Amino acid sequence: MATVLPIDVFLQKMSTLPVVDVRTPAEFIRGHMPNAVNLSLFSDEERAVVGTLYHQQGKQAAVLQGLAFVSPHMKILTEEALALESSEIGLYCWRGGMRSQSMAWLFETVDLKCFVCDGGYKAFRNHALAQFEKPLLLRVIAGPTGSAKTAILHELAALGEQIIDLEDLAYHRGSAFGALGQKPQSTTEDFENRLYEIVSRLDPTRPVWVEDESMMIGKNQIPLAFFRQMHRSTAYYMLSSLSDRIDFLMKEYACFPKEDLIASIQLLERRLGRNHCQEAVKACEEEDCRTAISIVLQYYDKAYAKALIEKPYPEVINIMTMPDLYSTALYLKSLVVK
């Protein structure tokens, strides 16, 4: 018989065991526990049918139809569970109910020890979102577009500092050009789950560096509790010359096809104004990316300055960036009292 574990114990146990999400593929794609694999009891269409039967004809009719759907796949599901190469596995469904219990029964017929999450994925979501309320010693790297904030963040990581790269988790660099070179964004729910995975591994007694962001990174939203923590923290504002910033952005973006760059610029037409947008597009067409970037920065610099006024930090420390990012990161590390 499967062992039912509360969410905190389940997650601790699953740190060394495979965890199986038995929900439908659509549910899994929307969001799932970190490192889970999807072995669906039902397809999306089958679950819809079973759910409709449950509401219209009751539990017995739904269970019978569910058995009819699952029976042809029982051998394949069992083989996939055995392929995880572990004698113990964890399982969850939406609320830790019939789907996970049914799969646990099936897997235990081949001597797999199963642990079921009490409350299922719903319990995990409540647990994950609650973690963002817990205080962290956040330190925010701020600065205008092109001031190498993300690169400095990773230099800090190389120096042994704790970091959270929100843009990496969101698969987006946080601007109209943010999707270039990135894989498609997932849901905000999935973004939150992956952020939870990072946060859960942090040492709360040590500083955690994060880059200043808007609440929305592309189409992913930073959890409100975490966002508020960011703006109760000290910000380190990177001071970098316009020329250096353009040089940095040239390295970051000039490698992309001009058609992609033009499409990104056109997303800014309403904010840039039609004339400036046309000038930037023309510069791109003529492969003068430097001019295009300088035009676009006029908008981003104004927008960033306005954002800092609207969401002020309690303390802002100006940092003159150094010729190499390593030295800048080393200096930032020296400023933080641990």
Protein backbone atom coordinates (compact mmCIF):
# COMPACT_ATOMS: atom_id res chain seq x y z
CA MET A 1 0.00 0.00 0.00
CA ALA A 2 1.30 3.45 -0.93
CA THR A 3 2.59 5.75 1.81
CA VAL A 4 0.90 9.15 1.87
CA LEU A 5 3.24 12.00 2.87
CA PRO A 6 2.56 15.68 3.64
CA ILE A 7 4.03 18.08 1.11
CA ASP A 8 7.14 19.10 3.07
CA VAL A 9 8.08 15.49 3.84
CA PHE A 10 7.24 14.45 0.28
CA LEU A 11 9.55 17.09 -1.23
CA GLN A 12 12.37 16.14 1.11
CA LYS A 13 11.94 12.48 0.19
CA MET A 14 11.83 13.29 -3.53
CA SER A 15 15.20 15.06 -3.38
CA THR A 16 16.75 11.63 -3.93
CA LEU A 17 13.94 9.77 -5.73
CA PRO A 18 12.14 10.12 -9.09
CA VAL A 19 8.79 11.88 -8.87
CA VAL A 20 5.95 11.09 -11.28
CA ASP A 21 3.21 13.52 -12.26
CA VAL A 22 0.22 11.41 -13.30
CA ARG A 23 -1.90 14.34 -14.52
CA THR A 24 -2.67 15.01 -18.18
CA PRO A 25 -0.03 16.41 -20.56
CA ALA A 26 -1.80 19.80 -20.63
CA GLU A 27 -1.78 20.03 -16.83
CA PHE A 28 1.90 19.06 -16.75
CA ILE A 29 2.90 21.66 -19.35
CA ARG A 30 1.06 24.39 -17.44
CA GLY A 31 3.21 23.68 -14.41
CA HIS A 32 4.66 20.79 -12.40
CA MET A 33 6.91 19.96 -9.48
CA PRO A 34 10.64 20.42 -10.15
CA ASN A 35 12.26 17.42 -11.86
CA ALA A 36 8.95 15.55 -12.24
CA VAL A 37 8.34 13.26 -15.20
CA ASN A 38 4.88 12.96 -16.75
CA LEU A 39 3.28 9.50 -16.89
CA SER A 40 -0.31 10.43 -17.62
CA LEU A 41 -3.11 8.22 -16.38
CA PHE A 42 -5.45 9.89 -18.91
CA SER A 43 -4.99 11.96 -22.03
CA ASP A 44 -6.43 15.49 -21.97
CA GLU A 45 -9.50 14.32 -23.90
CA GLU A 46 -10.00 11.25 -21.70
CA ARG A 47 -9.89 13.27 -18.52
CA ALA A 48 -12.53 15.62 -19.92
CA VAL A 49 -14.81 12.66 -20.66
CA VAL A 50 -14.31 11.14 -17.20
CA GLY A 51 -14.93 14.49 -15.52
CA THR A 52 -18.14 15.04 -17.45
CA LEU A 53 -19.39 11.56 -16.54
CA TYR A 54 -18.59 12.16 -12.87
CA HIS A 55 -20.70 15.33 -12.79
CA GLN A 56 -23.54 13.96 -14.90
CA GLN A 57 -23.79 10.30 -13.87
CA GLY A 58 -21.76 9.96 -10.68
CA LYS A 59 -18.57 8.34 -9.45
CA GLN A 60 -19.30 4.76 -10.54
CA ALA A 61 -19.87 5.65 -14.19
CA ALA A 62 -16.73 7.82 -14.20
CA VAL A 63 -14.60 5.07 -12.65
CA LEU A 64 -15.81 2.46 -15.13
CA GLN A 65 -15.02 4.73 -18.07
CA GLY A 66 -11.65 5.55 -16.55
CA LEU A 67 -10.83 1.86 -16.29
CA ALA A 68 -11.79 1.39 -19.93
CA PHE A 69 -9.39 4.17 -20.94
CA VAL A 70 -6.49 2.99 -18.76
CA SER A 71 -6.65 -0.80 -19.24
CA PRO A 72 -4.94 -0.86 -22.68
CA HIS A 73 -2.07 1.28 -21.34
CA MET A 74 -1.32 -0.41 -18.02
CA LYS A 75 1.63 -2.41 -19.33
CA ILE A 76 3.23 0.62 -21.00
CA LEU A 77 2.77 2.80 -17.91
CA THR A 78 4.34 0.12 -15.72
CA GLU A 79 7.29 -0.30 -18.08
CA GLU A 80 7.85 3.47 -18.06
CA ALA A 81 7.84 3.50 -14.27
CA LEU A 82 10.34 0.61 -14.16
CA ALA A 83 12.52 2.50 -16.65
CA LEU A 84 13.08 5.16 -13.97
CA GLU A 85 15.43 2.58 -12.43
CA SER A 86 14.43 3.14 -8.84
CA SER A 87 12.73 0.77 -6.42
CA GLU A 88 10.97 3.75 -4.82
CA ILE A 89 9.07 6.56 -6.57
CA GLY A 90 6.85 9.47 -5.65
CA LEU A 91 3.52 10.25 -7.31
CA TYR A 92 1.09 13.11 -7.34
CA CYS A 93 -2.03 14.23 -9.17
CA TRP A 94 -4.04 17.43 -8.69
CA ARG A 95 -5.17 16.75 -5.10
CA GLY A 96 -3.56 13.44 -4.20
CA GLY A 97 -6.74 11.54 -5.01
CA MET A 98 -7.81 8.72 -7.29
CA ARG A 99 -5.35 9.25 -10.12
CA SER A 100 -2.20 9.05 -7.98
CA GLN A 101 -3.62 6.32 -5.77
CA SER A 102 -4.60 4.25 -8.82
CA MET A 103 -1.14 4.57 -10.36
CA ALA A 104 0.45 3.70 -7.01
CA TRP A 105 -1.61 0.50 -6.88
CA LEU A 106 -0.50 -0.38 -10.42
CA PHE A 107 3.18 0.28 -9.79
CA GLU A 108 3.18 -1.63 -6.51
CA THR A 109 2.03 -4.76 -8.38
CA VAL A 110 5.59 -4.86 -9.78
CA ASP A 111 7.14 -4.24 -6.36
CA LEU A 112 7.77 -0.52 -6.66
CA LYS A 113 7.47 1.29 -3.32
CA CYS A 114 5.24 4.32 -3.88
CA PHE A 115 4.92 7.57 -1.95
CA VAL A 116 1.89 9.73 -2.69
CA CYS A 117 1.82 13.47 -2.02
CA ASP A 118 -1.04 14.35 0.32
CA GLY A 119 -2.96 17.17 -1.34
CA GLY A 120 -1.15 16.64 -4.64
CA TYR A 121 0.00 19.43 -6.93
CA LYS A 122 -2.41 21.86 -5.27
CA ALA A 123 -0.56 21.39 -1.97
CA PHE A 124 2.76 21.90 -3.75
CA ARG A 125 1.59 25.18 -5.27
CA ASN A 126 0.48 26.51 -1.89
CA HIS A 127 3.80 25.43 -0.40
CA ALA A 128 5.85 26.98 -3.23
CA LEU A 129 4.08 30.35 -3.15
CA ALA A 130 4.45 30.51 0.64
CA GLN A 131 8.25 30.27 0.26
CA PHE A 132 8.35 33.67 -1.43
CA GLU A 133 7.03 35.23 1.79
CA LYS A 134 10.10 34.07 3.73
CA PRO A 135 12.76 36.80 4.10
CA LEU A 136 15.91 36.66 2.01
CA LEU A 137 18.96 38.94 2.14
CA LEU A 138 18.38 40.21 -1.38
CA ARG A 139 20.83 42.56 -3.05
CA VAL A 140 19.61 44.11 -6.30
CA ILE A 141 21.84 44.94 -9.26
CA ALA A 142 20.23 47.93 -10.96
CA GLY A 143 21.19 50.10 -13.89
CA PRO A 144 20.08 51.20 -17.35
CA THR A 145 19.83 48.88 -20.34
CA GLY A 146 23.26 47.72 -21.48
CA SER A 147 25.01 48.12 -18.11
CA ALA A 148 25.81 44.38 -18.09
CA LYS A 149 23.67 43.57 -15.05
CA THR A 150 23.14 39.91 -15.98
CA ALA A 151 26.79 39.41 -16.84
CA ILE A 152 27.83 40.92 -13.50
CA LEU A 153 25.33 38.64 -11.76
CA HIS A 154 27.07 35.60 -13.23
CA GLU A 155 30.50 36.93 -12.30
CA LEU A 156 29.22 37.09 -8.72
CA ALA A 157 28.11 33.46 -9.01
CA ALA A 158 31.62 32.54 -10.19
CA LEU A 159 32.93 34.22 -7.03
CA GLY A 160 30.79 31.94 -4.89
CA GLU A 161 27.91 34.33 -4.30
CA GLN A 162 24.27 33.19 -4.30
CA ILE A 163 22.31 34.52 -7.28
CA ILE A 164 18.88 34.24 -8.84
CA ASP A 165 18.81 34.86 -12.59
CA LEU A 166 15.15 35.73 -13.14
CA GLU A 167 15.61 36.30 -16.87
CA ASP A 168 17.16 32.86 -17.31
CA LEU A 169 14.21 31.30 -15.47
CA ALA A 170 11.76 33.26 -17.63
CA TYR A 171 13.56 32.48 -20.92
CA HIS A 172 13.41 36.20 -21.64
CA ARG A 173 15.78 39.17 -21.25
CA GLY A 174 13.06 41.56 -20.22
CA SER A 175 12.80 43.95 -23.18
CA ALA A 176 11.28 44.07 -26.65
CA PHE A 177 14.42 42.20 -27.73
CA GLY A 178 14.21 39.78 -24.79
CA ALA A 179 12.96 36.77 -26.73
CA LEU A 180 15.88 36.79 -29.20
CA GLY A 181 17.97 33.66 -28.85
CA GLN A 182 15.70 32.25 -26.12
CA LYS A 183 13.45 29.22 -26.13
CA PRO A 184 9.69 29.90 -25.96
CA GLN A 185 8.45 31.15 -22.63
CA SER A 186 6.45 28.78 -20.46
CA THR A 187 3.57 29.78 -18.19
CA THR A 188 3.91 32.05 -15.17
CA GLU A 189 2.98 29.03 -13.07
CA ASP A 190 5.93 27.08 -14.43
CA PHE A 191 8.20 30.11 -13.93
CA GLU A 192 7.10 30.33 -10.28
CA ASN A 193 7.76 26.62 -9.75
CA ARG A 194 11.29 26.88 -11.13
CA LEU A 195 11.92 30.02 -9.06
CA TYR A 196 10.76 28.09 -5.99
CA GLU A 197 13.30 25.36 -6.80
CA ILE A 198 16.13 27.93 -6.72
CA VAL A 199 14.84 29.73 -3.61
CA SER A 200 14.40 26.47 -1.69
CA ARG A 201 18.11 25.69 -2.09
CA LEU A 202 19.39 29.07 -0.87
CA ASP A 203 21.06 29.75 2.46
CA PRO A 204 18.83 32.48 3.97
CA THR A 205 21.69 33.72 6.17
CA ARG A 206 23.80 34.74 3.16
CA PRO A 207 23.22 37.53 0.60
CA VAL A 208 21.34 36.67 -2.59
CA TRP A 209 22.01 38.78 -5.68
CA VAL A 210 19.24 39.44 -8.17
CA GLU A 211 18.85 41.76 -11.15
CA ASP A 212 16.38 44.63 -11.06
CA GLU A 213 13.33 43.74 -13.15
CA SER A 214 9.86 44.92 -13.96
CA MET A 215 7.17 42.71 -12.46
CA MET A 216 6.61 41.23 -15.93
CA ILE A 217 9.52 39.52 -17.68
CA GLY A 218 8.05 38.94 -21.11
CA LYS A 219 4.77 37.22 -20.28
CA ASN A 220 5.97 35.77 -16.96
CA GLN A 221 5.09 37.60 -13.75
CA ILE A 222 7.40 37.71 -10.75
CA PRO A 223 5.52 36.55 -7.62
CA LEU A 224 4.24 39.62 -5.78
CA ALA A 225 5.77 38.63 -2.44
CA PHE A 226 9.21 38.16 -4.03
CA PHE A 227 8.90 41.39 -6.03
CA ARG A 228 8.08 43.31 -2.86
CA GLN A 229 11.12 41.79 -1.14
CA MET A 230 13.28 43.03 -4.00
CA HIS A 231 12.04 46.57 -3.49
CA ARG A 232 12.69 46.48 0.24
CA SER A 233 16.34 45.69 -0.48
CA THR A 234 19.47 47.70 -1.22
CA ALA A 235 20.07 48.41 -4.90
CA TYR A 236 23.50 48.76 -6.46
CA TYR A 237 23.18 51.06 -9.47
CA MET A 238 25.67 50.37 -12.26
CA LEU A 239 27.07 53.57 -13.74
CA SER A 240 28.31 52.98 -17.27
CA SER A 241 28.91 55.37 -20.15
CA LEU A 242 26.51 55.42 -23.09
CA SER A 243 29.34 54.34 -25.40
CA ASP A 244 30.21 51.35 -23.21
CA ARG A 245 26.57 50.36 -23.00
CA ILE A 246 26.16 50.48 -26.75
CA ASP A 247 29.34 48.42 -27.13
CA PHE A 248 27.93 45.82 -24.75
CA LEU A 249 24.56 45.69 -26.53
CA MET A 250 26.31 45.35 -29.88
CA LYS A 251 27.99 42.17 -28.58
CA GLU A 252 24.69 40.90 -27.20
CA TYR A 253 22.33 41.63 -30.10
CA ALA A 254 24.12 42.57 -33.33
CA CYS A 255 24.66 38.87 -34.02
CA PHE A 256 20.94 38.30 -34.64
CA PRO A 257 19.38 38.54 -38.12
CA LYS A 258 18.39 42.09 -38.95
CA GLU A 259 14.84 40.92 -39.70
CA ASP A 260 14.50 39.80 -36.07
CA LEU A 261 15.97 43.05 -34.79
CA ILE A 262 13.59 45.08 -36.96
CA ALA A 263 10.61 43.08 -35.72
CA SER A 264 11.65 43.81 -32.13
CA ILE A 265 12.07 47.52 -32.84
CA GLN A 266 8.62 47.66 -34.40
CA LEU A 267 7.15 46.36 -31.15
CA LEU A 268 8.30 49.68 -29.64
CA GLU A 269 6.73 51.98 -32.25
CA ARG A 270 4.09 53.38 -29.92
CA ARG A 271 6.68 54.11 -27.23
CA LEU A 272 9.49 55.31 -29.50
CA GLY A 273 7.24 57.35 -31.70
CA ARG A 274 6.76 56.69 -35.40
CA ASN A 275 9.67 58.81 -36.61
CA HIS A 276 12.22 57.38 -34.18
CA CYS A 277 11.00 53.88 -34.92
CA GLN A 278 11.43 54.41 -38.65
CA GLU A 279 14.92 55.84 -38.10
CA ALA A 280 15.93 52.79 -36.02
CA VAL A 281 14.48 50.39 -38.60
CA LYS A 282 16.29 52.21 -41.41
CA ALA A 283 19.57 52.00 -39.48
CA CYS A 284 19.05 48.24 -39.05
CA GLU A 285 18.30 47.80 -42.73
CA GLU A 286 21.57 49.58 -43.50
CA GLU A 287 23.31 47.31 -40.95
CA ASP A 288 24.09 50.28 -38.72
CA CYS A 289 23.15 48.55 -35.49
CA ARG A 290 25.02 51.07 -33.37
CA THR A 291 22.72 53.89 -34.48
CA ALA A 292 19.65 51.72 -34.05
CA ILE A 293 20.68 50.84 -30.50
CA SER A 294 21.35 54.46 -29.57
CA ILE A 295 17.84 55.43 -30.77
CA VAL A 296 16.18 52.62 -28.83
CA LEU A 297 18.16 53.48 -25.69
CA GLN A 298 16.56 56.93 -25.65
CA TYR A 299 13.27 55.23 -24.82
CA TYR A 300 14.66 52.63 -22.44
CA ASP A 301 16.68 55.17 -20.44
CA LYS A 302 13.61 57.36 -19.88
CA ALA A 303 11.47 54.34 -19.01
CA TYR A 304 14.03 52.98 -16.55
CA ALA A 305 14.48 56.35 -14.82
CA LYS A 306 10.70 56.64 -14.45
CA ALA A 307 10.45 53.12 -13.07
CA LEU A 308 13.06 53.86 -10.39
CA ILE A 309 11.01 56.83 -9.26
CA GLU A 310 7.78 54.82 -9.17
CA LYS A 311 9.32 51.85 -7.31
CA PRO A 312 12.09 53.40 -5.20
CA TYR A 313 14.54 51.29 -3.25
CA PRO A 314 15.23 52.18 0.42
CA GLU A 315 18.93 52.58 -0.42
CA VAL A 316 20.67 52.99 -3.78
CA ILE A 317 24.45 52.76 -3.98
CA ASN A 318 26.06 54.03 -7.18
CA ILE A 319 28.75 51.75 -8.58
CA MET A 320 31.13 52.86 -11.33
CA THR A 321 31.56 49.80 -13.52
CA MET A 322 35.16 48.78 -14.10
CA PRO A 323 36.87 47.80 -17.35
CA ASP A 324 36.30 44.13 -16.67
CA LEU A 325 33.15 42.66 -15.15
CA TYR A 326 35.08 40.42 -12.78
CA SER A 327 36.53 43.45 -10.99
CA THR A 328 33.07 45.02 -10.73
CA ALA A 329 31.67 41.81 -9.23
CA LEU A 330 34.62 41.52 -6.83
CA TYR A 331 34.02 45.08 -5.65
CA LEU A 332 30.30 44.42 -5.15
CA LYS A 333 31.11 41.33 -3.11
CA SER A 334 33.44 43.37 -0.90
CA LEU A 335 30.65 45.84 -0.10
CA VAL A 336 28.33 43.25 1.38
CA VAL A 337 28.73 42.49 5.05
CA LYS A 338 28.06 38.79 5.53
